[in-house]
C-alpha cells in the first residue's frame, strides 16, 4: 500500500508549531498585554503603542529560540 505525502508528513503540524499563535501569546505575554493584544486583533484596531515593544520582544525571543537569524517588523507603529 502506498502512503500519500500527507500521511507521512503532517504539513499542518509542521508549520503550525512555528506560529506565534494564541497559546504562545498567552504563555509569553504579561496578562494585561495579552488582553490588549487580543482585543486589538478581534477589533481590527491599531495596536496600542504602550504594548508594541513588549509584543515585539516576545515575538523576537520566541523566533530566535526556534532558530531565526533575521526578522522584520513589517509595520510602522
PDB file of N, CA and C in Angstrom:
ATOM      1  N   UNK A   1       0.842  -1.184   0.000  1.00  0.00           N
ATOM      2  CA  UNK A   1       0.000   0.000   0.000  1.00  0.00           C
ATOM      3  C   UNK A   1       0.888   1.249   0.000  1.00  0.00           C
ATOM      4  N   UNK A   2       0.592   2.179  -0.865  1.00  0.00           N
ATOM      5  CA  UNK A   2       1.389   3.391  -0.992  1.00  0.00           C
ATOM      6  C   UNK A   2       0.799   4.487  -0.096  1.00  0.00           C
ATOM      7  N   UNK A   3       1.669   5.113   0.707  1.00  0.00           N
ATOM      8  CA  UNK A   3       1.208   6.197   1.579  1.00  0.00           C
ATOM      9  C   UNK A   3       1.334   7.523   0.862  1.00  0.00           C
ATOM     10  N   UNK A   4       0.361   8.382   1.082  1.00  0.00           N
ATOM     11  CA  UNK A   4       0.448   9.716   0.489  1.00  0.00           C
ATOM     12  C   UNK A   4       1.418  10.556   1.313  1.00  0.00           C
ATOM     13  N   UNK A   5       1.901  11.639   0.732  1.00  0.00           N
ATOM     14  CA  UNK A   5       2.841  12.514   1.418  1.00  0.00           C
ATOM     15  C   UNK A   5       2.219  13.090   2.685  1.00  0.00           C
ATOM     16  N   UNK A   6       0.927  13.398   2.684  1.00  0.00           N
ATOM     17  CA  UNK A   6       0.279  13.966   3.868  1.00  0.00           C
ATOM     18  C   UNK A   6       0.190  12.963   5.013  1.00  0.00           C
ATOM     19  N   UNK A   7       0.205  11.682   4.709  1.00  0.00           N
ATOM     20  CA  UNK A   7       0.201  10.665   5.755  1.00  0.00           C
ATOM     21  C   UNK A   7       1.582  10.519   6.384  1.00  0.00           C
ATOM     22  N   UNK A   8       2.604  10.707   5.606  1.00  0.00           N
ATOM     23  CA  UNK A   8       3.970  10.569   6.087  1.00  0.00           C
ATOM     24  C   UNK A   8       4.402  11.827   6.827  1.00  0.00           C
ATOM     25  N   UNK A   9       4.060  12.963   6.303  1.00  0.00           N
ATOM     26  CA  UNK A   9       4.477  14.245   6.849  1.00  0.00           C
ATOM     27  C   UNK A   9       3.235  15.099   7.087  1.00  0.00           C
ATOM     28  N   UNK A  10       2.936  15.386   8.338  1.00  0.00           N
ATOM     29  CA  UNK A  10       1.784  16.209   8.666  1.00  0.00           C
ATOM     30  C   UNK A  10       2.181  17.672   8.494  1.00  0.00           C
ATOM     31  N   UNK A  11       1.870  18.228   7.327  1.00  0.00           N
ATOM     32  CA  UNK A  11       2.290  19.577   6.977  1.00  0.00           C
ATOM     33  C   UNK A  11       1.696  20.611   7.928  1.00  0.00           C
ATOM     34  N   UNK A  12       0.441  20.471   8.277  1.00  0.00           N
ATOM     35  CA  UNK A  12      -0.194  21.427   9.188  1.00  0.00           C
ATOM     36  C   UNK A  12       0.516  21.451  10.532  1.00  0.00           C
ATOM     37  N   UNK A  13       0.865  20.274  11.018  1.00  0.00           N
ATOM     38  CA  UNK A  13       1.567  20.193  12.299  1.00  0.00           C
ATOM     39  C   UNK A  13       2.961  20.805  12.190  1.00  0.00           C
ATOM     40  N   UNK A  14       3.644  20.525  11.094  1.00  0.00           N
ATOM     41  CA  UNK A  14       4.998  21.030  10.916  1.00  0.00           C
ATOM     42  C   UNK A  14       5.017  22.559  10.890  1.00  0.00           C
ATOM     43  N   UNK A  15       4.140  23.174  10.120  1.00  0.00           N
ATOM     44  CA  UNK A  15       4.121  24.630  10.035  1.00  0.00           C
ATOM     45  C   UNK A  15       3.420  25.252  11.237  1.00  0.00           C
ATOM     46  N   UNK A  16       2.465  24.556  11.799  1.00  0.00           N
ATOM     47  CA  UNK A  16       1.719  25.075  12.935  1.00  0.00           C
ATOM     48  C   UNK A  16       2.561  25.280  14.178  1.00  0.00           C
ATOM     49  N   UNK A  17       3.613  24.504  14.331  1.00  0.00           N
ATOM     50  CA  UNK A  17       4.435  24.662  15.525  1.00  0.00           C
ATOM     51  C   UNK A  17       5.325  25.898  15.441  1.00  0.00           C
ATOM     52  N   UNK A  18       5.391  26.519  14.289  1.00  0.00           N
ATOM     53  CA  UNK A  18       6.191  27.725  14.116  1.00  0.00           C
ATOM     54  C   UNK A  18       5.317  28.953  13.889  1.00  0.00           C
ATOM     55  N   UNK A  19       4.216  29.021  14.605  1.00  0.00           N
ATOM     56  CA  UNK A  19       3.294  30.147  14.512  1.00  0.00           C
ATOM     57  C   UNK A  19       3.161  30.777  15.894  1.00  0.00           C
ATOM     58  N   UNK A  20       3.329  32.071  15.946  1.00  0.00           N
ATOM     59  CA  UNK A  20       3.153  32.800  17.205  1.00  0.00           C
ATOM     60  C   UNK A  20       1.647  32.940  17.415  1.00  0.00           C
ATOM     61  N   UNK A  21       1.033  31.840  17.820  1.00  0.00           N
ATOM     62  CA  UNK A  21      -0.426  31.756  17.908  1.00  0.00           C
ATOM     63  C   UNK A  21      -0.949  32.176  19.283  1.00  0.00           C
ATOM     64  N   UNK A  22      -2.221  32.007  19.477  1.00  0.00           N
ATOM     65  CA  UNK A  22      -2.861  32.443  20.718  1.00  0.00           C
ATOM     66  C   UNK A  22      -2.256  31.769  21.947  1.00  0.00           C
ATOM     67  N   UNK A  23      -1.991  30.484  21.860  1.00  0.00           N
ATOM     68  CA  UNK A  23      -1.421  29.773  23.013  1.00  0.00           C
ATOM     69  C   UNK A  23      -0.036  30.317  23.353  1.00  0.00           C
ATOM     70  N   UNK A  24       0.764  30.604  22.333  1.00  0.00           N
ATOM     71  CA  UNK A  24       2.100  31.153  22.555  1.00  0.00           C
ATOM     72  C   UNK A  24       1.991  32.558  23.147  1.00  0.00           C
ATOM     73  N   UNK A  25       1.100  33.372  22.588  1.00  0.00           N
ATOM     74  CA  UNK A  25       0.917  34.735  23.110  1.00  0.00           C
ATOM     75  C   UNK A  25       0.512  34.697  24.580  1.00  0.00           C
ATOM     76  N   UNK A  26      -0.432  33.834  24.894  1.00  0.00           N
ATOM     77  CA  UNK A  26      -0.925  33.742  26.269  1.00  0.00           C
ATOM     78  C   UNK A  26       0.181  33.318  27.229  1.00  0.00           C
ATOM     79  N   UNK A  27       1.043  32.438  26.759  1.00  0.00           N
ATOM     80  CA  UNK A  27       2.144  31.944  27.583  1.00  0.00           C
ATOM     81  C   UNK A  27       3.264  32.972  27.730  1.00  0.00           C
ATOM     82  N   UNK A  28       3.524  33.744  26.694  1.00  0.00           N
ATOM     83  CA  UNK A  28       4.701  34.613  26.660  1.00  0.00           C
ATOM     84  C   UNK A  28       4.460  36.058  27.069  1.00  0.00           C
ATOM     85  N   UNK A  29       3.236  36.505  26.981  1.00  0.00           N
ATOM     86  CA  UNK A  29       2.955  37.920  27.252  1.00  0.00           C
ATOM     87  C   UNK A  29       2.378  38.116  28.654  1.00  0.00           C
ATOM     88  N   UNK A  30       2.691  39.247  29.281  1.00  0.00           N
ATOM     89  CA  UNK A  30       2.013  39.568  30.545  1.00  0.00           C
ATOM     90  C   UNK A  30       0.498  39.594  30.303  1.00  0.00           C
ATOM     91  N   UNK A  31      -0.256  39.231  31.310  1.00  0.00           N
ATOM     92  CA  UNK A  31      -1.707  39.088  31.169  1.00  0.00           C
ATOM     93  C   UNK A  31      -2.376  40.345  30.602  1.00  0.00           C
ATOM     94  N   UNK A  32      -1.990  41.524  31.099  1.00  0.00           N
ATOM     95  CA  UNK A  32      -2.629  42.748  30.618  1.00  0.00           C
ATOM     96  C   UNK A  32      -2.276  43.027  29.156  1.00  0.00           C
ATOM     97  N   UNK A  33      -1.054  42.704  28.749  1.00  0.00           N
ATOM     98  CA  UNK A  33      -0.642  42.903  27.358  1.00  0.00           C
ATOM     99  C   UNK A  33      -1.377  41.917  26.455  1.00  0.00           C
ATOM    100  N   UNK A  34      -1.473  40.675  26.896  1.00  0.00           N
ATOM    101  CA  UNK A  34      -2.201  39.657  26.128  1.00  0.00           C
ATOM    102  C   UNK A  34      -3.647  40.102  25.889  1.00  0.00           C
ATOM    103  N   UNK A  35      -4.307  40.587  26.932  1.00  0.00           N
ATOM    104  CA  UNK A  35      -5.705  41.019  26.797  1.00  0.00           C
ATOM    105  C   UNK A  35      -5.840  42.176  25.813  1.00  0.00           C
ATOM    106  N   UNK A  36      -4.931  43.154  25.900  1.00  0.00           N
ATOM    107  CA  UNK A  36      -4.984  44.295  24.967  1.00  0.00           C
ATOM    108  C   UNK A  36      -4.718  43.839  23.536  1.00  0.00           C
ATOM    109  N   UNK A  37      -3.768  42.927  23.363  1.00  0.00           N
ATOM    110  CA  UNK A  37      -3.455  42.439  22.020  1.00  0.00           C
ATOM    111  C   UNK A  37      -4.624  41.651  21.443  1.00  0.00           C
ATOM    112  N   UNK A  38      -5.238  40.801  22.238  1.00  0.00           N
ATOM    113  CA  UNK A  38      -6.404  40.037  21.769  1.00  0.00           C
ATOM    114  C   UNK A  38      -7.529  40.970  21.327  1.00  0.00           C
ATOM    115  N   UNK A  39      -7.770  42.012  22.103  1.00  0.00           N
ATOM    116  CA  UNK A  39      -8.813  42.974  21.749  1.00  0.00           C
ATOM    117  C   UNK A  39      -8.461  43.671  20.437  1.00  0.00           C
ATOM    118  N   UNK A  40      -7.194  44.011  20.280  1.00  0.00           N
ATOM    119  CA  UNK A  40      -6.724  44.642  19.044  1.00  0.00           C
ATOM    120  C   UNK A  40      -6.992  43.738  17.846  1.00  0.00           C
ATOM    121  N   UNK A  41      -6.649  42.464  17.982  1.00  0.00           N
ATOM    122  CA  UNK A  41      -6.837  41.504  16.897  1.00  0.00           C
ATOM    123  C   UNK A  41      -8.322  41.324  16.593  1.00  0.00           C
ATOM    124  N   UNK A  42      -9.124  41.159  17.626  1.00  0.00           N
ATOM    125  CA  UNK A  42     -10.558  40.930  17.435  1.00  0.00           C
ATOM    126  C   UNK A  42     -11.262  42.139  16.827  1.00  0.00           C
ATOM    127  N   UNK A  43     -10.847  43.345  17.234  1.00  0.00           N
ATOM    128  CA  UNK A  43     -11.486  44.565  16.743  1.00  0.00           C
ATOM    129  C   UNK A  43     -10.885  45.059  15.431  1.00  0.00           C
ATOM    130  N   UNK A  44      -9.720  44.544  15.074  1.00  0.00           N
ATOM    131  CA  UNK A  44      -9.050  45.014  13.869  1.00  0.00           C
ATOM    132  C   UNK A  44      -8.513  46.428  14.024  1.00  0.00           C
ATOM    133  N   UNK A  45      -8.229  46.808  15.253  1.00  0.00           N
ATOM    134  CA  UNK A  45      -7.773  48.169  15.530  1.00  0.00           C
ATOM    135  C   UNK A  45      -6.255  48.252  15.466  1.00  0.00           C
ATOM    136  N   UNK A  46      -5.748  49.471  15.496  1.00  0.00           N
ATOM    137  CA  UNK A  46      -4.304  49.659  15.562  1.00  0.00           C
ATOM    138  C   UNK A  46      -3.825  49.237  16.938  1.00  0.00           C
ATOM    139  N   UNK A  47      -2.579  48.747  16.972  1.00  0.00           N
ATOM    140  CA  UNK A  47      -2.022  48.294  18.239  1.00  0.00           C
ATOM    141  C   UNK A  47      -1.743  49.483  19.147  1.00  0.00           C
ATOM    142  N   UNK A  48      -2.090  49.311  20.404  1.00  0.00           N
ATOM    143  CA  UNK A  48      -1.798  50.306  21.428  1.00  0.00           C
ATOM    144  C   UNK A  48      -0.281  50.431  21.541  1.00  0.00           C
ATOM    145  N   UNK A  49       0.270  51.624  21.301  1.00  0.00           N
ATOM    146  CA  UNK A  49       1.727  51.790  21.366  1.00  0.00           C
ATOM    147  C   UNK A  49       2.339  51.375  22.706  1.00  0.00           C
ATOM    148  N   UNK A  50       1.542  51.390  23.765  1.00  0.00           N
ATOM    149  CA  UNK A  50       2.075  51.026  25.079  1.00  0.00           C
ATOM    150  C   UNK A  50       2.413  49.539  25.194  1.00  0.00           C
ATOM    151  N   UNK A  51       1.896  48.698  24.285  1.00  0.00           N
ATOM    152  CA  UNK A  51       2.200  47.269  24.337  1.00  0.00           C
ATOM    153  C   UNK A  51       3.072  46.803  23.180  1.00  0.00           C
ATOM    154  N   UNK A  52       3.300  47.656  22.215  1.00  0.00           N
ATOM    155  CA  UNK A  52       4.002  47.253  20.992  1.00  0.00           C
ATOM    156  C   UNK A  52       5.393  46.677  21.266  1.00  0.00           C
ATOM    157  N   UNK A  53       6.180  47.338  22.101  1.00  0.00           N
ATOM    158  CA  UNK A  53       7.533  46.848  22.365  1.00  0.00           C
ATOM    159  C   UNK A  53       7.527  45.509  23.090  1.00  0.00           C
ATOM    160  N   UNK A  54       6.599  45.336  24.011  1.00  0.00           N
ATOM    161  CA  UNK A  54       6.515  44.071  24.756  1.00  0.00           C
ATOM    162  C   UNK A  54       6.178  42.928  23.802  1.00  0.00           C
ATOM    163  N   UNK A  55       5.223  43.156  22.915  1.00  0.00           N
ATOM    164  CA  UNK A  55       4.833  42.135  21.946  1.00  0.00           C
ATOM    165  C   UNK A  55       5.996  41.835  20.998  1.00  0.00           C
ATOM    166  N   UNK A  56       6.646  42.877  20.499  1.00  0.00           N
ATOM    167  CA  UNK A  56       7.762  42.692  19.569  1.00  0.00           C
ATOM    168  C   UNK A  56       8.899  41.897  20.204  1.00  0.00           C
ATOM    169  N   UNK A  57       9.245  42.210  21.429  1.00  0.00           N
ATOM    170  CA  UNK A  57      10.323  41.485  22.101  1.00  0.00           C
ATOM    171  C   UNK A  57       9.947  40.023  22.357  1.00  0.00           C
ATOM    172  N   UNK A  58       8.705  39.777  22.733  1.00  0.00           N
ATOM    173  CA  UNK A  58       8.259  38.399  22.960  1.00  0.00           C
ATOM    174  C   UNK A  58       8.324  37.593  21.667  1.00  0.00           C
ATOM    175  N   UNK A  59       7.878  38.206  20.576  1.00  0.00           N
ATOM    176  CA  UNK A  59       7.919  37.528  19.279  1.00  0.00           C
ATOM    177  C   UNK A  59       9.363  37.271  18.840  1.00  0.00           C
ATOM    178  N   UNK A  60      10.232  38.255  19.022  1.00  0.00           N
ATOM    179  CA  UNK A  60      11.634  38.107  18.632  1.00  0.00           C
ATOM    180  C   UNK A  60      12.306  36.985  19.435  1.00  0.00           C
ATOM    181  N   UNK A  61      12.117  37.001  20.747  1.00  0.00           N
ATOM    182  CA  UNK A  61      12.723  35.972  21.594  1.00  0.00           C
ATOM    183  C   UNK A  61      12.223  34.582  21.221  1.00  0.00           C
ATOM    184  N   UNK A  62      10.921  34.473  20.981  1.00  0.00           N
ATOM    185  CA  UNK A  62      10.320  33.201  20.598  1.00  0.00           C
ATOM    186  C   UNK A  62      10.911  32.714  19.276  1.00  0.00           C
ATOM    187  N   UNK A  63      11.056  33.615  18.306  1.00  0.00           N
ATOM    188  CA  UNK A  63      11.580  33.243  16.994  1.00  0.00           C
ATOM    189  C   UNK A  63      13.055  32.833  17.077  1.00  0.00           C
ATOM    190  N   UNK A  64      13.841  33.568  17.848  1.00  0.00           N
ATOM    191  CA  UNK A  64      15.259  33.236  17.997  1.00  0.00           C
ATOM    192  C   UNK A  64      15.428  31.864  18.639  1.00  0.00           C
ATOM    193  N   UNK A  65      14.577  31.554  19.606  1.00  0.00           N
ATOM    194  CA  UNK A  65      14.625  30.228  20.240  1.00  0.00           C
ATOM    195  C   UNK A  65      14.375  29.114  19.231  1.00  0.00           C
ATOM    196  N   UNK A  66      13.702  29.435  18.145  1.00  0.00           N
ATOM    197  CA  UNK A  66      13.403  28.445  17.107  1.00  0.00           C
ATOM    198  C   UNK A  66      14.382  28.509  15.941  1.00  0.00           C
ATOM    199  N   UNK A  67      15.453  29.291  16.098  1.00  0.00           N
ATOM    200  CA  UNK A  67      16.497  29.312  15.084  1.00  0.00           C
ATOM    201  C   UNK A  67      16.462  30.473  14.112  1.00  0.00           C
ATOM    202  N   UNK A  68      15.560  31.416  14.301  1.00  0.00           N
ATOM    203  CA  UNK A  68      15.519  32.569  13.398  1.00  0.00           C
ATOM    204  C   UNK A  68      16.803  33.376  13.533  1.00  0.00           C
ATOM    205  N   UNK A  69      17.306  33.834  12.418  1.00  0.00           N
ATOM    206  CA  UNK A  69      18.502  34.675  12.429  1.00  0.00           C
ATOM    207  C   UNK A  69      18.213  36.064  11.892  1.00  0.00           C
ATOM    208  N   UNK A  70      17.060  36.249  11.234  1.00  0.00           N
ATOM    209  CA  UNK A  70      16.669  37.538  10.661  1.00  0.00           C
ATOM    210  C   UNK A  70      15.173  37.737  10.899  1.00  0.00           C
ATOM    211  N   UNK A  71      14.785  38.973  11.048  1.00  0.00           N
ATOM    212  CA  UNK A  71      13.365  39.262  11.190  1.00  0.00           C
ATOM    213  C   UNK A  71      13.109  40.710  10.811  1.00  0.00           C
ATOM    214  N   UNK A  72      11.844  41.026  10.590  1.00  0.00           N
ATOM    215  CA  UNK A  72      11.419  42.392  10.313  1.00  0.00           C
ATOM    216  C   UNK A  72      10.068  42.612  10.967  1.00  0.00           C
ATOM    217  N   UNK A  73       9.789  43.842  11.334  1.00  0.00           N
ATOM    218  CA  UNK A  73       8.510  44.118  11.966  1.00  0.00           C
ATOM    219  C   UNK A  73       7.393  44.193  10.944  1.00  0.00           C
ATOM    220  N   UNK A  74       7.669  44.680   9.782  1.00  0.00           N
ATOM    221  CA  UNK A  74       6.661  44.720   8.735  1.00  0.00           C
ATOM    222  C   UNK A  74       5.593  45.777   8.929  1.00  0.00           C
ATOM    223  N   UNK A  75       5.721  46.618   9.930  1.00  0.00           N
ATOM    224  CA  UNK A  75       4.732  47.671  10.123  1.00  0.00           C
ATOM    225  C   UNK A  75       5.402  48.893  10.712  1.00  0.00           C
ATOM    226  N   UNK A  76       4.722  49.997  10.604  1.00  0.00           N
ATOM    227  CA  UNK A  76       5.232  51.211  11.222  1.00  0.00           C
ATOM    228  C   UNK A  76       4.228  51.661  12.273  1.00  0.00           C
ATOM    229  N   UNK A  77       4.584  51.477  13.502  1.00  0.00           N
ATOM    230  CA  UNK A  77       3.672  51.801  14.609  1.00  0.00           C
ATOM    231  C   UNK A  77       3.812  53.222  15.036  1.00  0.00           C
TER     232      UNK A  77
END
